[in-house]
Amino acid sequence: MSTPPVEPPPPAASPSPGGESSLGGATYETALSRVEDIIRRLDGGEAGLRETLELVQEGRSLIEFCARELEAVGRGLEELRLEELVARLESAPPAPPGERGARR
């Protein structure tokens, strides 16, 4: 019984001008969907040894890509929160002179 050839893993992710990373043009959602397909194929127990190795390698690349995407989004959210905090501090009325840094 021969197994169908598996495409080689996509290249490593690289940022695009719009701020999105790509994995051979993939988005986080398409990469995640492919990981789910790989898991189903492996769970089915029909993949041969070589195909299993190739699927695991591809899955690892996709999972690393997804992790980088999540980290990038997390950093973006942190930056937004910092910008919001700075804006609030800049728009807050100054404290009266007696309350600023008063020590006894």
PDB file of N, CA and C in Angstrom:
ATOM      1  N   MET A   1       0.850  -1.181   0.000  1.00  0.00           N
ATOM      2  CA  MET A   1       0.000   0.000   0.000  1.00  0.00           C
ATOM      3  C   MET A   1       0.886   1.231   0.000  1.00  0.00           C
ATOM      4  N   SER A   2       0.686   2.117  -0.980  1.00  0.00           N
ATOM      5  CA  SER A   2       1.502   3.325  -1.037  1.00  0.00           C
ATOM      6  C   SER A   2       0.695   4.508  -0.528  1.00  0.00           C
ATOM      7  N   THR A   3       1.415   5.428   0.085  1.00  0.00           N
ATOM      8  CA  THR A   3       0.755   6.613   0.617  1.00  0.00           C
ATOM      9  C   THR A   3       0.992   7.767  -0.334  1.00  0.00           C
ATOM     10  N   PRO A   4       0.051   8.677  -0.425  1.00  0.00           N
ATOM     11  CA  PRO A   4       0.241   9.818  -1.318  1.00  0.00           C
ATOM     12  C   PRO A   4       1.387  10.686  -0.819  1.00  0.00           C
ATOM     13  N   PRO A   5       2.134  11.281  -1.753  1.00  0.00           N
ATOM     14  CA  PRO A   5       3.241  12.138  -1.317  1.00  0.00           C
ATOM     15  C   PRO A   5       2.720  13.337  -0.534  1.00  0.00           C
ATOM     16  N   VAL A   6       3.505  13.758   0.419  1.00  0.00           N
ATOM     17  CA  VAL A   6       3.155  14.901   1.259  1.00  0.00           C
ATOM     18  C   VAL A   6       4.020  16.066   0.827  1.00  0.00           C
ATOM     19  N   GLU A   7       3.405  17.233   0.739  1.00  0.00           N
ATOM     20  CA  GLU A   7       4.160  18.418   0.385  1.00  0.00           C
ATOM     21  C   GLU A   7       5.174  18.720   1.477  1.00  0.00           C
ATOM     22  N   PRO A   8       6.353  19.256   1.111  1.00  0.00           N
ATOM     23  CA  PRO A   8       7.328  19.605   2.144  1.00  0.00           C
ATOM     24  C   PRO A   8       6.796  20.734   3.009  1.00  0.00           C
ATOM     25  N   PRO A   9       7.322  20.851   4.236  1.00  0.00           N
ATOM     26  CA  PRO A   9       6.859  21.927   5.116  1.00  0.00           C
ATOM     27  C   PRO A   9       7.083  23.280   4.462  1.00  0.00           C
ATOM     28  N   PRO A  10       6.190  24.226   4.707  1.00  0.00           N
ATOM     29  CA  PRO A  10       6.354  25.565   4.155  1.00  0.00           C
ATOM     30  C   PRO A  10       7.573  26.253   4.752  1.00  0.00           C
ATOM     31  N   PRO A  11       8.070  27.304   4.090  1.00  0.00           N
ATOM     32  CA  PRO A  11       9.215  28.033   4.624  1.00  0.00           C
ATOM     33  C   PRO A  11       8.881  28.740   5.919  1.00  0.00           C
ATOM     34  N   ALA A  12       9.912  29.186   6.617  1.00  0.00           N
ATOM     35  CA  ALA A  12       9.723  29.886   7.895  1.00  0.00           C
ATOM     36  C   ALA A  12       8.942  31.174   7.676  1.00  0.00           C
ATOM     37  N   ALA A  13       8.294  31.615   8.726  1.00  0.00           N
ATOM     38  CA  ALA A  13       7.466  32.817   8.655  1.00  0.00           C
ATOM     39  C   ALA A  13       8.317  34.052   8.472  1.00  0.00           C
ATOM     40  N   SER A  14       7.755  35.012   7.738  1.00  0.00           N
ATOM     41  CA  SER A  14       8.421  36.293   7.578  1.00  0.00           C
ATOM     42  C   SER A  14       7.362  37.371   7.618  1.00  0.00           C
ATOM     43  N   PRO A  15       7.690  38.520   8.235  1.00  0.00           N
ATOM     44  CA  PRO A  15       6.678  39.565   8.345  1.00  0.00           C
ATOM     45  C   PRO A  15       6.366  40.173   6.984  1.00  0.00           C
ATOM     46  N   SER A  16       5.124  40.526   6.770  1.00  0.00           N
ATOM     47  CA  SER A  16       4.733  41.205   5.547  1.00  0.00           C
ATOM     48  C   SER A  16       4.587  42.686   5.848  1.00  0.00           C
ATOM     49  N   PRO A  17       4.544  43.523   4.804  1.00  0.00           N
ATOM     50  CA  PRO A  17       4.450  44.971   5.044  1.00  0.00           C
ATOM     51  C   PRO A  17       3.249  45.371   5.875  1.00  0.00           C
ATOM     52  N   GLY A  18       2.147  44.624   5.812  1.00  0.00           N
ATOM     53  CA  GLY A  18       0.946  44.978   6.566  1.00  0.00           C
ATOM     54  C   GLY A  18       1.019  44.581   8.020  1.00  0.00           C
ATOM     55  N   GLY A  19       2.156  44.053   8.465  1.00  0.00           N
ATOM     56  CA  GLY A  19       2.294  43.659   9.854  1.00  0.00           C
ATOM     57  C   GLY A  19       1.887  42.219  10.107  1.00  0.00           C
ATOM     58  N   GLU A  20       1.388  41.537   9.082  1.00  0.00           N
ATOM     59  CA  GLU A  20       1.009  40.140   9.250  1.00  0.00           C
ATOM     60  C   GLU A  20       2.198  39.275   8.892  1.00  0.00           C
ATOM     61  N   SER A  21       2.397  38.202   9.629  1.00  0.00           N
ATOM     62  CA  SER A  21       3.431  37.249   9.269  1.00  0.00           C
ATOM     63  C   SER A  21       2.830  36.281   8.288  1.00  0.00           C
ATOM     64  N   SER A  22       3.690  35.682   7.492  1.00  0.00           N
ATOM     65  CA  SER A  22       3.169  34.696   6.559  1.00  0.00           C
ATOM     66  C   SER A  22       4.037  33.463   6.574  1.00  0.00           C
ATOM     67  N   LEU A  23       3.431  32.370   6.270  1.00  0.00           N
ATOM     68  CA  LEU A  23       4.114  31.090   6.163  1.00  0.00           C
ATOM     69  C   LEU A  23       3.704  30.575   4.802  1.00  0.00           C
ATOM     70  N   GLY A  24       4.480  30.951   3.786  1.00  0.00           N
ATOM     71  CA  GLY A  24       4.080  30.595   2.443  1.00  0.00           C
ATOM     72  C   GLY A  24       2.731  31.210   2.096  1.00  0.00           C
ATOM     73  N   GLY A  25       2.439  32.400   2.608  1.00  0.00           N
ATOM     74  CA  GLY A  25       1.176  33.073   2.366  1.00  0.00           C
ATOM     75  C   GLY A  25       0.087  32.691   3.341  1.00  0.00           C
ATOM     76  N   ALA A  26       0.393  31.824   4.291  1.00  0.00           N
ATOM     77  CA  ALA A  26      -0.607  31.364   5.249  1.00  0.00           C
ATOM     78  C   ALA A  26      -0.871  32.415   6.313  1.00  0.00           C
ATOM     79  N   THR A  27      -2.060  32.364   6.849  1.00  0.00           N
ATOM     80  CA  THR A  27      -2.403  33.195   7.993  1.00  0.00           C
ATOM     81  C   THR A  27      -2.444  32.291   9.218  1.00  0.00           C
ATOM     82  N   TYR A  28      -2.608  32.891  10.382  1.00  0.00           N
ATOM     83  CA  TYR A  28      -2.740  32.110  11.606  1.00  0.00           C
ATOM     84  C   TYR A  28      -3.876  31.100  11.462  1.00  0.00           C
ATOM     85  N   GLU A  29      -4.994  31.566  10.942  1.00  0.00           N
ATOM     86  CA  GLU A  29      -6.167  30.702  10.831  1.00  0.00           C
ATOM     87  C   GLU A  29      -5.934  29.535   9.885  1.00  0.00           C
ATOM     88  N   THR A  30      -5.292  29.787   8.723  1.00  0.00           N
ATOM     89  CA  THR A  30      -5.048  28.688   7.779  1.00  0.00           C
ATOM     90  C   THR A  30      -4.002  27.727   8.334  1.00  0.00           C
ATOM     91  N   ALA A  31      -3.011  28.249   9.047  1.00  0.00           N
ATOM     92  CA  ALA A  31      -1.998  27.385   9.654  1.00  0.00           C
ATOM     93  C   ALA A  31      -2.639  26.495  10.717  1.00  0.00           C
ATOM     94  N   LEU A  32      -3.498  27.076  11.525  1.00  0.00           N
ATOM     95  CA  LEU A  32      -4.180  26.307  12.568  1.00  0.00           C
ATOM     96  C   LEU A  32      -5.069  25.225  11.960  1.00  0.00           C
ATOM     97  N   SER A  33      -5.753  25.565  10.889  1.00  0.00           N
ATOM     98  CA  SER A  33      -6.596  24.593  10.203  1.00  0.00           C
ATOM     99  C   SER A  33      -5.762  23.435   9.661  1.00  0.00           C
ATOM    100  N   ARG A  34      -4.588  23.754   9.105  1.00  0.00           N
ATOM    101  CA  ARG A  34      -3.705  22.704   8.585  1.00  0.00           C
ATOM    102  C   ARG A  34      -3.201  21.817   9.720  1.00  0.00           C
ATOM    103  N   VAL A  35      -2.884  22.396  10.875  1.00  0.00           N
ATOM    104  CA  VAL A  35      -2.453  21.603  12.029  1.00  0.00           C
ATOM    105  C   VAL A  35      -3.567  20.631  12.416  1.00  0.00           C
ATOM    106  N   GLU A  36      -4.800  21.102  12.411  1.00  0.00           N
ATOM    107  CA  GLU A  36      -5.929  20.226  12.736  1.00  0.00           C
ATOM    108  C   GLU A  36      -6.049  19.087  11.728  1.00  0.00           C
ATOM    109  N   ASP A  37      -5.817  19.386  10.427  1.00  0.00           N
ATOM    110  CA  ASP A  37      -5.841  18.340   9.399  1.00  0.00           C
ATOM    111  C   ASP A  37      -4.747  17.310   9.645  1.00  0.00           C
ATOM    112  N   ILE A  38      -3.561  17.796  10.003  1.00  0.00           N
ATOM    113  CA  ILE A  38      -2.433  16.893  10.275  1.00  0.00           C
ATOM    114  C   ILE A  38      -2.761  15.984  11.454  1.00  0.00           C
ATOM    115  N   ILE A  39      -3.326  16.557  12.493  1.00  0.00           N
ATOM    116  CA  ILE A  39      -3.680  15.757  13.678  1.00  0.00           C
ATOM    117  C   ILE A  39      -4.685  14.677  13.307  1.00  0.00           C
ATOM    118  N   ARG A  40      -5.689  15.038  12.501  1.00  0.00           N
ATOM    119  CA  ARG A  40      -6.681  14.043  12.074  1.00  0.00           C
ATOM    120  C   ARG A  40      -6.017  12.925  11.266  1.00  0.00           C
ATOM    121  N   ARG A  41      -5.090  13.300  10.386  1.00  0.00           N
ATOM    122  CA  ARG A  41      -4.400  12.293   9.562  1.00  0.00           C
ATOM    123  C   ARG A  41      -3.568  11.367  10.457  1.00  0.00           C
ATOM    124  N   LEU A  42      -2.858  11.934  11.411  1.00  0.00           N
ATOM    125  CA  LEU A  42      -2.033  11.114  12.299  1.00  0.00           C
ATOM    126  C   LEU A  42      -2.893  10.245  13.205  1.00  0.00           C
ATOM    127  N   ASP A  43      -3.997  10.799  13.696  1.00  0.00           N
ATOM    128  CA  ASP A  43      -4.900  10.032  14.560  1.00  0.00           C
ATOM    129  C   ASP A  43      -5.556   8.883  13.816  1.00  0.00           C
ATOM    130  N   GLY A  44      -5.714   9.045  12.496  1.00  0.00           N
ATOM    131  CA  GLY A  44      -6.343   7.999  11.698  1.00  0.00           C
ATOM    132  C   GLY A  44      -5.496   6.737  11.603  1.00  0.00           C
ATOM    133  N   GLY A  45      -4.209   6.865  11.878  1.00  0.00           N
ATOM    134  CA  GLY A  45      -3.325   5.708  11.870  1.00  0.00           C
ATOM    135  C   GLY A  45      -3.022   5.147  10.495  1.00  0.00           C
ATOM    136  N   GLU A  46      -3.351   5.873   9.442  1.00  0.00           N
ATOM    137  CA  GLU A  46      -3.133   5.377   8.089  1.00  0.00           C
ATOM    138  C   GLU A  46      -1.826   5.859   7.476  1.00  0.00           C
ATOM    139  N   ALA A  47      -1.192   6.834   8.090  1.00  0.00           N
ATOM    140  CA  ALA A  47       0.043   7.393   7.536  1.00  0.00           C
ATOM    141  C   ALA A  47       1.193   6.426   7.767  1.00  0.00           C
ATOM    142  N   GLY A  48       2.005   6.255   6.731  1.00  0.00           N
ATOM    143  CA  GLY A  48       3.195   5.429   6.861  1.00  0.00           C
ATOM    144  C   GLY A  48       4.263   6.150   7.662  1.00  0.00           C
ATOM    145  N   LEU A  49       5.372   5.480   7.854  1.00  0.00           N
ATOM    146  CA  LEU A  49       6.452   6.031   8.677  1.00  0.00           C
ATOM    147  C   LEU A  49       6.990   7.341   8.116  1.00  0.00           C
ATOM    148  N   ARG A  50       7.330   7.350   6.832  1.00  0.00           N
ATOM    149  CA  ARG A  50       7.889   8.566   6.217  1.00  0.00           C
ATOM    150  C   ARG A  50       6.868   9.695   6.224  1.00  0.00           C
ATOM    151  N   GLU A  51       5.624   9.383   5.876  1.00  0.00           N
ATOM    152  CA  GLU A  51       4.585  10.421   5.879  1.00  0.00           C
ATOM    153  C   GLU A  51       4.378  10.965   7.290  1.00  0.00           C
ATOM    154  N   THR A  52       4.411  10.085   8.286  1.00  0.00           N
ATOM    155  CA  THR A  52       4.258  10.522   9.671  1.00  0.00           C
ATOM    156  C   THR A  52       5.352  11.512  10.037  1.00  0.00           C
ATOM    157  N   LEU A  53       6.591  11.187   9.677  1.00  0.00           N
ATOM    158  CA  LEU A  53       7.714  12.089   9.960  1.00  0.00           C
ATOM    159  C   LEU A  53       7.509  13.435   9.278  1.00  0.00           C
ATOM    160  N   GLU A  54       7.108  13.406   8.010  1.00  0.00           N
ATOM    161  CA  GLU A  54       6.901  14.652   7.270  1.00  0.00           C
ATOM    162  C   GLU A  54       5.751  15.467   7.860  1.00  0.00           C
ATOM    163  N   LEU A  55       4.692  14.790   8.250  1.00  0.00           N
ATOM    164  CA  LEU A  55       3.552  15.492   8.855  1.00  0.00           C
ATOM    165  C   LEU A  55       3.933  16.117  10.193  1.00  0.00           C
ATOM    166  N   VAL A  56       4.708  15.383  10.989  1.00  0.00           N
ATOM    167  CA  VAL A  56       5.134  15.916  12.293  1.00  0.00           C
ATOM    168  C   VAL A  56       6.038  17.139  12.084  1.00  0.00           C
ATOM    169  N   GLN A  57       6.934  17.064  11.109  1.00  0.00           N
ATOM    170  CA  GLN A  57       7.811  18.211  10.836  1.00  0.00           C
ATOM    171  C   GLN A  57       7.006  19.418  10.369  1.00  0.00           C
ATOM    172  N   GLU A  58       6.056  19.183   9.466  1.00  0.00           N
ATOM    173  CA  GLU A  58       5.209  20.281   9.000  1.00  0.00           C
ATOM    174  C   GLU A  58       4.390  20.860  10.149  1.00  0.00           C
ATOM    175  N   GLY A  59       3.826  19.970  10.964  1.00  0.00           N
ATOM    176  CA  GLY A  59       3.036  20.425  12.106  1.00  0.00           C
ATOM    177  C   GLY A  59       3.850  21.266  13.065  1.00  0.00           C
ATOM    178  N   ARG A  60       5.083  20.847  13.301  1.00  0.00           N
ATOM    179  CA  ARG A  60       5.952  21.616  14.202  1.00  0.00           C
ATOM    180  C   ARG A  60       6.208  23.011  13.647  1.00  0.00           C
ATOM    181  N   SER A  61       6.499  23.101  12.353  1.00  0.00           N
ATOM    182  CA  SER A  61       6.717  24.414  11.729  1.00  0.00           C
ATOM    183  C   SER A  61       5.480  25.292  11.857  1.00  0.00           C
ATOM    184  N   LEU A  62       4.318  24.692  11.616  1.00  0.00           N
ATOM    185  CA  LEU A  62       3.070  25.454  11.700  1.00  0.00           C
ATOM    186  C   LEU A  62       2.780  25.904  13.126  1.00  0.00           C
ATOM    187  N   ILE A  63       3.038  25.044  14.095  1.00  0.00           N
ATOM    188  CA  ILE A  63       2.808  25.407  15.493  1.00  0.00           C
ATOM    189  C   ILE A  63       3.757  26.532  15.913  1.00  0.00           C
ATOM    190  N   GLU A  64       5.010  26.463  15.477  1.00  0.00           N
ATOM    191  CA  GLU A  64       5.953  27.544  15.788  1.00  0.00           C
ATOM    192  C   GLU A  64       5.495  28.852  15.154  1.00  0.00           C
ATOM    193  N   PHE A  65       4.995  28.780  13.926  1.00  0.00           N
ATOM    194  CA  PHE A  65       4.454  29.956  13.253  1.00  0.00           C
ATOM    195  C   PHE A  65       3.288  30.535  14.052  1.00  0.00           C
ATOM    196  N   CYS A  66       2.361  29.663  14.474  1.00  0.00           N
ATOM    197  CA  CYS A  66       1.197  30.128  15.251  1.00  0.00           C
ATOM    198  C   CYS A  66       1.644  30.768  16.568  1.00  0.00           C
ATOM    199  N   ALA A  67       2.639  30.186  17.222  1.00  0.00           N
ATOM    200  CA  ALA A  67       3.143  30.748  18.482  1.00  0.00           C
ATOM    201  C   ALA A  67       3.724  32.138  18.247  1.00  0.00           C
ATOM    202  N   ARG A  68       4.479  32.308  17.151  1.00  0.00           N
ATOM    203  CA  ARG A  68       5.041  33.643  16.840  1.00  0.00           C
ATOM    204  C   ARG A  68       3.931  34.647  16.562  1.00  0.00           C
ATOM    205  N   GLU A  69       2.894  34.202  15.870  1.00  0.00           N
ATOM    206  CA  GLU A  69       1.760  35.088  15.595  1.00  0.00           C
ATOM    207  C   GLU A  69       1.096  35.534  16.890  1.00  0.00           C
ATOM    208  N   LEU A  70       0.868  34.605  17.796  1.00  0.00           N
ATOM    209  CA  LEU A  70       0.230  34.934  19.078  1.00  0.00           C
ATOM    210  C   LEU A  70       1.109  35.881  19.889  1.00  0.00           C
ATOM    211  N   GLU A  71       2.426  35.659  19.872  1.00  0.00           N
ATOM    212  CA  GLU A  71       3.338  36.559  20.586  1.00  0.00           C
ATOM    213  C   GLU A  71       3.288  37.963  19.993  1.00  0.00           C
ATOM    214  N   ALA A  72       3.248  38.055  18.668  1.00  0.00           N
ATOM    215  CA  ALA A  72       3.190  39.363  18.008  1.00  0.00           C
ATOM    216  C   ALA A  72       1.897  40.093  18.361  1.00  0.00           C
ATOM    217  N   VAL A  73       0.796  39.381  18.380  1.00  0.00           N
ATOM    218  CA  VAL A  73      -0.479  39.995  18.746  1.00  0.00           C
ATOM    219  C   VAL A  73      -0.438  40.447  20.204  1.00  0.00           C
ATOM    220  N   GLY A  74       0.138  39.623  21.074  1.00  0.00           N
ATOM    221  CA  GLY A  74       0.270  39.994  22.487  1.00  0.00           C
ATOM    222  C   GLY A  74       1.086  41.257  22.668  1.00  0.00           C
ATOM    223  N   ARG A  75       2.201  41.353  21.928  1.00  0.00           N
ATOM    224  CA  ARG A  75       3.026  42.570  22.005  1.00  0.00           C
ATOM    225  C   ARG A  75       2.239  43.781  21.522  1.00  0.00           C
ATOM    226  N   GLY A  76       1.464  43.592  20.452  1.00  0.00           N
ATOM    227  CA  GLY A  76       0.651  44.695  19.939  1.00  0.00           C
ATOM    228  C   GLY A  76      -0.372  45.161  20.957  1.00  0.00           C
ATOM    229  N   LEU A  77      -0.974  44.213  21.654  1.00  0.00           N
ATOM    230  CA  LEU A  77      -1.948  44.580  22.689  1.00  0.00           C
ATOM    231  C   LEU A  77      -1.274  45.317  23.840  1.00  0.00           C
ATOM    232  N   GLU A  78      -0.086  44.872  24.234  1.00  0.00           N
ATOM    233  CA  GLU A  78       0.650  45.567  25.301  1.00  0.00           C
ATOM    234  C   GLU A  78       0.958  46.996  24.891  1.00  0.00           C
ATOM    235  N   GLU A  79       1.378  47.194  23.641  1.00  0.00           N
ATOM    236  CA  GLU A  79       1.678  48.541  23.157  1.00  0.00           C
ATOM    237  C   GLU A  79       0.430  49.414  23.188  1.00  0.00           C
ATOM    238  N   LEU A  80      -0.703  48.848  22.791  1.00  0.00           N
ATOM    239  CA  LEU A  80      -1.952  49.616  22.823  1.00  0.00           C
ATOM    240  C   LEU A  80      -2.306  50.026  24.244  1.00  0.00           C
ATOM    241  N   ARG A  81      -2.121  49.104  25.190  1.00  0.00           N
ATOM    242  CA  ARG A  81      -2.427  49.420  26.590  1.00  0.00           C
ATOM    243  C   ARG A  81      -1.492  50.507  27.110  1.00  0.00           C
ATOM    244  N   LEU A  82      -0.214  50.440  26.737  1.00  0.00           N
ATOM    245  CA  LEU A  82       0.735  51.464  27.180  1.00  0.00           C
ATOM    246  C   LEU A  82       0.376  52.818  26.578  1.00  0.00           C
ATOM    247  N   GLU A  83       0.010  52.825  25.295  1.00  0.00           N
ATOM    248  CA  GLU A  83      -0.370  54.077  24.649  1.00  0.00           C
ATOM    249  C   GLU A  83      -1.623  54.659  25.309  1.00  0.00           C
ATOM    250  N   GLU A  84      -2.562  53.786  25.654  1.00  0.00           N
ATOM    251  CA  GLU A  84      -3.786  54.241  26.321  1.00  0.00           C
ATOM    252  C   GLU A  84      -3.460  54.826  27.691  1.00  0.00           C
ATOM    253  N   LEU A  85      -2.576  54.194  28.437  1.00  0.00           N
ATOM    254  CA  LEU A  85      -2.188  54.678  29.757  1.00  0.00           C
ATOM    255  C   LEU A  85      -1.493  56.030  29.653  1.00  0.00           C
ATOM    256  N   VAL A  86      -0.583  56.168  28.701  1.00  0.00           N
ATOM    257  CA  VAL A  86       0.108  57.443  28.511  1.00  0.00           C
ATOM    258  C   VAL A  86      -0.900  58.536  28.165  1.00  0.00           C
ATOM    259  N   ALA A  87      -1.843  58.237  27.289  1.00  0.00           N
ATOM    260  CA  ALA A  87      -2.855  59.224  26.909  1.00  0.00           C
ATOM    261  C   ALA A  87      -3.688  59.645  28.117  1.00  0.00           C
ATOM    262  N   ARG A  88      -4.053  58.683  28.970  1.00  0.00           N
ATOM    263  CA  ARG A  88      -4.819  59.031  30.171  1.00  0.00           C
ATOM    264  C   ARG A  88      -4.005  59.894  31.116  1.00  0.00           C
ATOM    265  N   LEU A  89      -2.727  59.545  31.293  1.00  0.00           N
ATOM    266  CA  LEU A  89      -1.876  60.337  32.195  1.00  0.00           C
ATOM    267  C   LEU A  89      -1.670  61.745  31.656  1.00  0.00           C
ATOM    268  N   GLU A  90      -1.516  61.861  30.351  1.00  0.00           N
ATOM    269  CA  GLU A  90      -1.312  63.188  29.758  1.00  0.00           C
ATOM    270  C   GLU A  90      -2.575  64.032  29.817  1.00  0.00           C
ATOM    271  N   SER A  91      -3.752  63.401  29.793  1.00  0.00           N
ATOM    272  CA  SER A  91      -4.993  64.167  29.808  1.00  0.00           C
ATOM    273  C   SER A  91      -5.514  64.416  31.223  1.00  0.00           C
ATOM    274  N   ALA A  92      -4.907  63.791  32.223  1.00  0.00           N
ATOM    275  CA  ALA A  92      -5.349  63.975  33.606  1.00  0.00           C
ATOM    276  C   ALA A  92      -4.953  65.372  34.081  1.00  0.00           C
ATOM    277  N   PRO A  93      -5.828  66.012  34.856  1.00  0.00           N
ATOM    278  CA  PRO A  93      -5.479  67.340  35.374  1.00  0.00           C
ATOM    279  C   PRO A  93      -4.310  67.217  36.357  1.00  0.00           C
ATOM    280  N   PRO A  94      -3.446  68.213  36.376  1.00  0.00           N
ATOM    281  CA  PRO A  94      -2.311  68.160  37.310  1.00  0.00           C
ATOM    282  C   PRO A  94      -2.791  68.212  38.760  1.00  0.00           C
ATOM    283  N   ALA A  95      -2.060  67.573  39.621  1.00  0.00           N
ATOM    284  CA  ALA A  95      -2.395  67.575  41.050  1.00  0.00           C
ATOM    285  C   ALA A  95      -2.067  68.944  41.634  1.00  0.00           C
ATOM    286  N   PRO A  96      -2.840  69.378  42.644  1.00  0.00           N
ATOM    287  CA  PRO A  96      -2.542  70.664  43.297  1.00  0.00           C
ATOM    288  C   PRO A  96      -1.122  70.637  43.882  1.00  0.00           C
ATOM    289  N   PRO A  97      -0.452  71.794  43.961  1.00  0.00           N
ATOM    290  CA  PRO A  97       0.945  71.827  44.417  1.00  0.00           C
ATOM    291  C   PRO A  97       1.170  71.178  45.769  1.00  0.00           C
ATOM    292  N   GLY A  98       0.258  71.279  46.676  1.00  0.00           N
ATOM    293  CA  GLY A  98       0.447  70.710  48.013  1.00  0.00           C
ATOM    294  C   GLY A  98       0.387  69.188  48.040  1.00  0.00           C
ATOM    295  N   GLU A  99      -0.198  68.579  47.016  1.00  0.00           N
ATOM    296  CA  GLU A  99      -0.358  67.126  47.008  1.00  0.00           C
ATOM    297  C   GLU A  99       0.742  66.415  46.240  1.00  0.00           C
ATOM    298  N   ARG A 100       1.486  67.139  45.418  1.00  0.00           N
ATOM    299  CA  ARG A 100       2.513  66.505  44.623  1.00  0.00           C
ATOM    300  C   ARG A 100       3.786  66.320  45.415  1.00  0.00           C
ATOM    301  N   GLY A 101       4.168  65.096  45.612  1.00  0.00           N
ATOM    302  CA  GLY A 101       5.429  64.788  46.262  1.00  0.00           C
ATOM    303  C   GLY A 101       5.581  65.341  47.661  1.00  0.00           C
ATOM    304  N   ALA A 102       4.493  65.650  48.332  1.00  0.00           N
ATOM    305  CA  ALA A 102       4.591  66.201  49.694  1.00  0.00           C
ATOM    306  C   ALA A 102       5.111  65.153  50.634  1.00  0.00           C
ATOM    307  N   ARG A 103       6.138  65.529  51.401  1.00  0.00           N
ATOM    308  CA  ARG A 103       6.707  64.621  52.396  1.00  0.00           C
ATOM    309  C   ARG A 103       6.644  65.259  53.760  1.00  0.00           C
ATOM    310  N   ARG A 104       6.506  64.448  54.755  1.00  0.00           N
ATOM    311  CA  ARG A 104       6.448  64.993  56.127  1.00  0.00           C
ATOM    312  C   ARG A 104       7.632  64.535  56.901  1.00  0.00           C
TER     313      ARG A 104
END
